[in-house]
Amino acid sequence: MVDELRRPNAPRAATPPVSAASIDTSIGSFQVLPEQMSLSAHQHIQTYLRNYHRQRLDRNDLTAILRLSQHLRVFGLLSAVGYVNQSNAQGGEVRSRTVPVWESLLGQMIDETNPPEREQLMETVLLMTRNQPQQYMTTWRRSLMLANHWNFWARAYQEE
């Protein structure tokens, strides 16, 4: 009976613990919280909108962001950067709508404070693949995680 009169344990927190994604690099392993990725992706979308003097993303921008996500999953980061950098005669409407969005988001992912231009972006990623393959794989994994958040925020800022 004495056991029944004991105080109950302190109530547990109502929110479940947040799981962090683990990223391994050549300098060690670190944790990335989903909130950080979402905030970074949100900032990337905001920067794109600000640079193009817009309040909302149009349908073409949304499509470009969704295509980037798919391209990163299927072909990889180097291929996506190569697409941004290529200067072929094909051009076309799809390319003219896609390249500015991809350049902005990928450039901000590489360097948020000073995103590289197309050629520099290509050179940076190409050198990373040659000289720091582990860093390239880490960056590619980060781009895959960011892509989900880019997709979310792109839909949130889409024109009606």
C-alpha atoms as a PDB file:
ATOM      1  CA  MET A   1       0.000   0.000   0.000  1.00  0.00           C
ATOM      2  CA  VAL A   2       2.869   2.393   0.678  1.00  0.00           C
ATOM      3  CA  ASP A   3       3.998   1.945  -2.925  1.00  0.00           C
ATOM      4  CA  GLU A   4       0.607   3.131  -4.160  1.00  0.00           C
ATOM      5  CA  LEU A   5       0.941   6.428  -2.276  1.00  0.00           C
ATOM      6  CA  ARG A   6       4.226   7.415  -3.851  1.00  0.00           C
ATOM      7  CA  ARG A   7       4.381  10.506  -5.983  1.00  0.00           C
ATOM      8  CA  PRO A   8       4.043   9.897  -9.671  1.00  0.00           C
ATOM      9  CA  ASN A   9       7.037  10.543 -11.880  1.00  0.00           C
ATOM     10  CA  ALA A  10       7.400  14.002 -13.347  1.00  0.00           C
ATOM     11  CA  PRO A  11       5.398  14.446 -16.537  1.00  0.00           C
ATOM     12  CA  ARG A  12       7.308  13.873 -19.715  1.00  0.00           C
ATOM     13  CA  ALA A  13       7.700  16.481 -22.415  1.00  0.00           C
ATOM     14  CA  ALA A  14       4.817  16.520 -24.856  1.00  0.00           C
ATOM     15  CA  THR A  15       7.029  17.052 -27.901  1.00  0.00           C
ATOM     16  CA  PRO A  16       8.973  14.108 -29.257  1.00  0.00           C
ATOM     17  CA  PRO A  17      12.731  14.483 -29.564  1.00  0.00           C
ATOM     18  CA  VAL A  18      13.958  15.851 -32.875  1.00  0.00           C
ATOM     19  CA  SER A  19      16.147  13.503 -34.809  1.00  0.00           C
ATOM     20  CA  ALA A  20      19.216  14.955 -36.411  1.00  0.00           C
ATOM     21  CA  ALA A  21      20.771  13.867 -39.672  1.00  0.00           C
ATOM     22  CA  SER A  22      24.347  12.765 -39.315  1.00  0.00           C
ATOM     23  CA  ILE A  23      26.837  13.986 -41.905  1.00  0.00           C
ATOM     24  CA  ASP A  24      30.329  12.536 -42.051  1.00  0.00           C
ATOM     25  CA  THR A  25      33.149  14.658 -43.419  1.00  0.00           C
ATOM     26  CA  SER A  26      36.888  14.330 -43.632  1.00  0.00           C
ATOM     27  CA  ILE A  27      37.152  16.492 -40.515  1.00  0.00           C
ATOM     28  CA  GLY A  28      34.673  14.472 -38.522  1.00  0.00           C
ATOM     29  CA  SER A  29      31.011  13.858 -38.126  1.00  0.00           C
ATOM     30  CA  PHE A  30      28.425  16.457 -37.208  1.00  0.00           C
ATOM     31  CA  GLN A  31      24.683  16.627 -36.711  1.00  0.00           C
ATOM     32  CA  VAL A  32      22.328  18.754 -38.780  1.00  0.00           C
ATOM     33  CA  LEU A  33      18.948  19.469 -37.262  1.00  0.00           C
ATOM     34  CA  PRO A  34      15.990  19.510 -39.641  1.00  0.00           C
ATOM     35  CA  GLU A  35      15.071  23.011 -38.450  1.00  0.00           C
ATOM     36  CA  GLN A  36      18.471  24.289 -39.577  1.00  0.00           C
ATOM     37  CA  MET A  37      18.002  22.802 -43.031  1.00  0.00           C
ATOM     38  CA  SER A  38      14.519  24.255 -43.303  1.00  0.00           C
ATOM     39  CA  LEU A  39      15.691  27.690 -42.191  1.00  0.00           C
ATOM     40  CA  SER A  40      18.565  27.602 -44.677  1.00  0.00           C
ATOM     41  CA  ALA A  41      16.243  26.533 -47.493  1.00  0.00           C
ATOM     42  CA  HIS A  42      13.798  29.282 -46.558  1.00  0.00           C
ATOM     43  CA  GLN A  43      16.601  31.831 -46.650  1.00  0.00           C
ATOM     44  CA  HIS A  44      17.707  30.545 -50.067  1.00  0.00           C
ATOM     45  CA  ILE A  45      14.183  30.975 -51.470  1.00  0.00           C
ATOM     46  CA  GLN A  46      13.900  34.446 -49.891  1.00  0.00           C
ATOM     47  CA  THR A  47      17.240  35.485 -51.391  1.00  0.00           C
ATOM     48  CA  TYR A  48      16.146  34.287 -54.827  1.00  0.00           C
ATOM     49  CA  LEU A  49      12.912  36.268 -54.555  1.00  0.00           C
ATOM     50  CA  ARG A  50      14.749  39.372 -53.344  1.00  0.00           C
ATOM     51  CA  ASN A  51      17.358  39.157 -56.136  1.00  0.00           C
ATOM     52  CA  TYR A  52      14.628  38.993 -58.770  1.00  0.00           C
ATOM     53  CA  HIS A  53      12.476  41.648 -57.054  1.00  0.00           C
ATOM     54  CA  ARG A  54       9.499  39.395 -56.530  1.00  0.00           C
ATOM     55  CA  GLN A  55       7.123  38.537 -53.703  1.00  0.00           C
ATOM     56  CA  ARG A  56       6.021  35.096 -54.906  1.00  0.00           C
ATOM     57  CA  LEU A  57       7.325  32.285 -57.063  1.00  0.00           C
ATOM     58  CA  ASP A  58       5.500  31.721 -60.308  1.00  0.00           C
ATOM     59  CA  ARG A  59       4.622  28.316 -61.688  1.00  0.00           C
ATOM     60  CA  ASN A  60       7.828  28.168 -63.753  1.00  0.00           C
ATOM     61  CA  ASP A  61      10.002  28.820 -60.690  1.00  0.00           C
ATOM     62  CA  LEU A  62       8.204  26.086 -58.757  1.00  0.00           C
ATOM     63  CA  THR A  63       8.675  23.658 -61.629  1.00  0.00           C
ATOM     64  CA  ALA A  64      12.384  24.539 -61.807  1.00  0.00           C
ATOM     65  CA  ILE A  65      12.831  23.858 -58.083  1.00  0.00           C
ATOM     66  CA  LEU A  66      11.010  20.535 -58.324  1.00  0.00           C
ATOM     67  CA  ARG A  67      13.172  19.610 -61.328  1.00  0.00           C
ATOM     68  CA  LEU A  68      16.310  20.472 -59.396  1.00  0.00           C
ATOM     69  CA  SER A  69      15.266  18.122 -56.629  1.00  0.00           C
ATOM     70  CA  GLN A  70      14.677  15.315 -59.100  1.00  0.00           C
ATOM     71  CA  HIS A  71      17.902  16.029 -60.981  1.00  0.00           C
ATOM     72  CA  LEU A  72      19.942  15.923 -57.774  1.00  0.00           C
ATOM     73  CA  ARG A  73      18.454  12.547 -56.834  1.00  0.00           C
ATOM     74  CA  VAL A  74      18.899  10.962 -60.248  1.00  0.00           C
ATOM     75  CA  PHE A  75      22.052  12.511 -61.686  1.00  0.00           C
ATOM     76  CA  GLY A  76      23.883  14.175 -58.809  1.00  0.00           C
ATOM     77  CA  LEU A  77      25.267  17.524 -57.821  1.00  0.00           C
ATOM     78  CA  LEU A  78      28.017  17.690 -60.453  1.00  0.00           C
ATOM     79  CA  SER A  79      25.485  17.103 -63.227  1.00  0.00           C
ATOM     80  CA  ALA A  80      23.160  19.801 -61.863  1.00  0.00           C
ATOM     81  CA  VAL A  81      26.010  22.303 -61.701  1.00  0.00           C
ATOM     82  CA  GLY A  82      27.087  21.244 -65.200  1.00  0.00           C
ATOM     83  CA  TYR A  83      23.593  21.941 -66.499  1.00  0.00           C
ATOM     84  CA  VAL A  84      23.715  25.435 -65.023  1.00  0.00           C
ATOM     85  CA  ASN A  85      27.152  26.093 -66.510  1.00  0.00           C
ATOM     86  CA  GLN A  86      26.685  24.664 -70.005  1.00  0.00           C
ATOM     87  CA  SER A  87      26.452  27.141 -72.825  1.00  0.00           C
ATOM     88  CA  ASN A  88      24.917  25.263 -75.703  1.00  0.00           C
ATOM     89  CA  ALA A  89      22.887  26.613 -78.576  1.00  0.00           C
ATOM     90  CA  GLN A  90      19.782  24.747 -77.431  1.00  0.00           C
ATOM     91  CA  GLY A  91      18.860  27.372 -74.865  1.00  0.00           C
ATOM     92  CA  GLY A  92      15.106  27.363 -75.030  1.00  0.00           C
ATOM     93  CA  GLU A  93      12.329  28.452 -72.756  1.00  0.00           C
ATOM     94  CA  VAL A  94      12.727  25.638 -70.221  1.00  0.00           C
ATOM     95  CA  ARG A  95      16.426  26.329 -69.823  1.00  0.00           C
ATOM     96  CA  SER A  96      15.898  30.086 -69.477  1.00  0.00           C
ATOM     97  CA  ARG A  97      13.388  29.443 -66.672  1.00  0.00           C
ATOM     98  CA  THR A  98      15.443  26.749 -64.953  1.00  0.00           C
ATOM     99  CA  VAL A  99      19.005  28.081 -64.894  1.00  0.00           C
ATOM    100  CA  PRO A 100      18.468  31.234 -62.751  1.00  0.00           C
ATOM    101  CA  VAL A 101      16.676  29.235 -60.047  1.00  0.00           C
ATOM    102  CA  TRP A 102      19.224  26.416 -60.011  1.00  0.00           C
ATOM    103  CA  GLU A 103      22.150  28.833 -60.066  1.00  0.00           C
ATOM    104  CA  SER A 104      20.733  30.757 -57.126  1.00  0.00           C
ATOM    105  CA  LEU A 105      19.913  27.760 -54.929  1.00  0.00           C
ATOM    106  CA  LEU A 106      23.056  25.746 -55.690  1.00  0.00           C
ATOM    107  CA  GLY A 107      25.281  28.797 -55.361  1.00  0.00           C
ATOM    108  CA  GLN A 108      23.786  29.669 -51.960  1.00  0.00           C
ATOM    109  CA  MET A 109      24.217  26.071 -50.849  1.00  0.00           C
ATOM    110  CA  ILE A 110      27.935  26.253 -51.650  1.00  0.00           C
ATOM    111  CA  ASP A 111      28.439  29.703 -50.095  1.00  0.00           C
ATOM    112  CA  GLU A 112      25.494  31.492 -48.491  1.00  0.00           C
ATOM    113  CA  THR A 113      27.265  34.809 -47.995  1.00  0.00           C
ATOM    114  CA  ASN A 114      28.896  35.047 -51.417  1.00  0.00           C
ATOM    115  CA  PRO A 115      27.320  32.607 -53.907  1.00  0.00           C
ATOM    116  CA  PRO A 116      29.646  31.842 -56.813  1.00  0.00           C
ATOM    117  CA  GLU A 117      28.808  32.688 -60.418  1.00  0.00           C
ATOM    118  CA  ARG A 118      28.054  29.837 -62.837  1.00  0.00           C
ATOM    119  CA  GLU A 119      31.633  29.191 -63.938  1.00  0.00           C
ATOM    120  CA  GLN A 120      32.998  29.434 -60.403  1.00  0.00           C
ATOM    121  CA  LEU A 121      30.240  27.155 -59.122  1.00  0.00           C
ATOM    122  CA  MET A 122      31.179  24.526 -61.702  1.00  0.00           C
ATOM    123  CA  GLU A 123      34.870  24.869 -60.938  1.00  0.00           C
ATOM    124  CA  THR A 124      34.296  24.617 -57.176  1.00  0.00           C
ATOM    125  CA  VAL A 125      32.233  21.446 -57.432  1.00  0.00           C
ATOM    126  CA  LEU A 126      34.533  19.905 -60.057  1.00  0.00           C
ATOM    127  CA  LEU A 127      37.607  20.506 -57.883  1.00  0.00           C
ATOM    128  CA  MET A 128      35.726  19.064 -54.922  1.00  0.00           C
ATOM    129  CA  THR A 129      35.005  15.852 -56.855  1.00  0.00           C
ATOM    130  CA  ARG A 130      38.656  15.493 -57.832  1.00  0.00           C
ATOM    131  CA  ASN A 131      40.451  16.590 -54.685  1.00  0.00           C
ATOM    132  CA  GLN A 132      37.919  16.019 -51.890  1.00  0.00           C
ATOM    133  CA  PRO A 133      35.553  13.213 -52.899  1.00  0.00           C
ATOM    134  CA  GLN A 134      34.306  12.786 -49.334  1.00  0.00           C
ATOM    135  CA  GLN A 135      33.446  16.493 -49.157  1.00  0.00           C
ATOM    136  CA  TYR A 136      31.663  16.203 -52.501  1.00  0.00           C
ATOM    137  CA  MET A 137      29.552  13.299 -51.236  1.00  0.00           C
ATOM    138  CA  THR A 138      28.742  15.258 -48.077  1.00  0.00           C
ATOM    139  CA  THR A 139      27.730  18.294 -50.129  1.00  0.00           C
ATOM    140  CA  TRP A 140      25.606  16.142 -52.416  1.00  0.00           C
ATOM    141  CA  ARG A 141      23.850  14.586 -49.408  1.00  0.00           C
ATOM    142  CA  ARG A 142      23.262  18.063 -48.029  1.00  0.00           C
ATOM    143  CA  SER A 143      21.775  19.148 -51.357  1.00  0.00           C
ATOM    144  CA  LEU A 144      19.400  16.180 -51.247  1.00  0.00           C
ATOM    145  CA  MET A 145      18.249  17.161 -47.762  1.00  0.00           C
ATOM    146  CA  LEU A 146      17.904  20.815 -48.752  1.00  0.00           C
ATOM    147  CA  ALA A 147      15.949  19.876 -51.873  1.00  0.00           C
ATOM    148  CA  ASN A 148      13.025  18.609 -49.791  1.00  0.00           C
ATOM    149  CA  HIS A 149      12.942  21.904 -47.908  1.00  0.00           C
ATOM    150  CA  TRP A 150      13.354  23.949 -51.100  1.00  0.00           C
ATOM    151  CA  ASN A 151      10.320  22.101 -52.473  1.00  0.00           C
ATOM    152  CA  PHE A 152       8.301  22.857 -49.352  1.00  0.00           C
ATOM    153  CA  TRP A 153       9.162  26.558 -49.262  1.00  0.00           C
ATOM    154  CA  ALA A 154       8.683  26.906 -53.024  1.00  0.00           C
ATOM    155  CA  ARG A 155       5.135  25.641 -52.649  1.00  0.00           C
ATOM    156  CA  ALA A 156       4.602  27.967 -49.703  1.00  0.00           C
ATOM    157  CA  TYR A 157       5.694  30.991 -51.763  1.00  0.00           C
ATOM    158  CA  GLN A 158       3.936  29.952 -54.960  1.00  0.00           C
ATOM    159  CA  GLU A 159       1.556  32.392 -56.596  1.00  0.00           C
ATOM    160  CA  GLU A 160      -2.095  31.435 -56.313  1.00  0.00           C
END
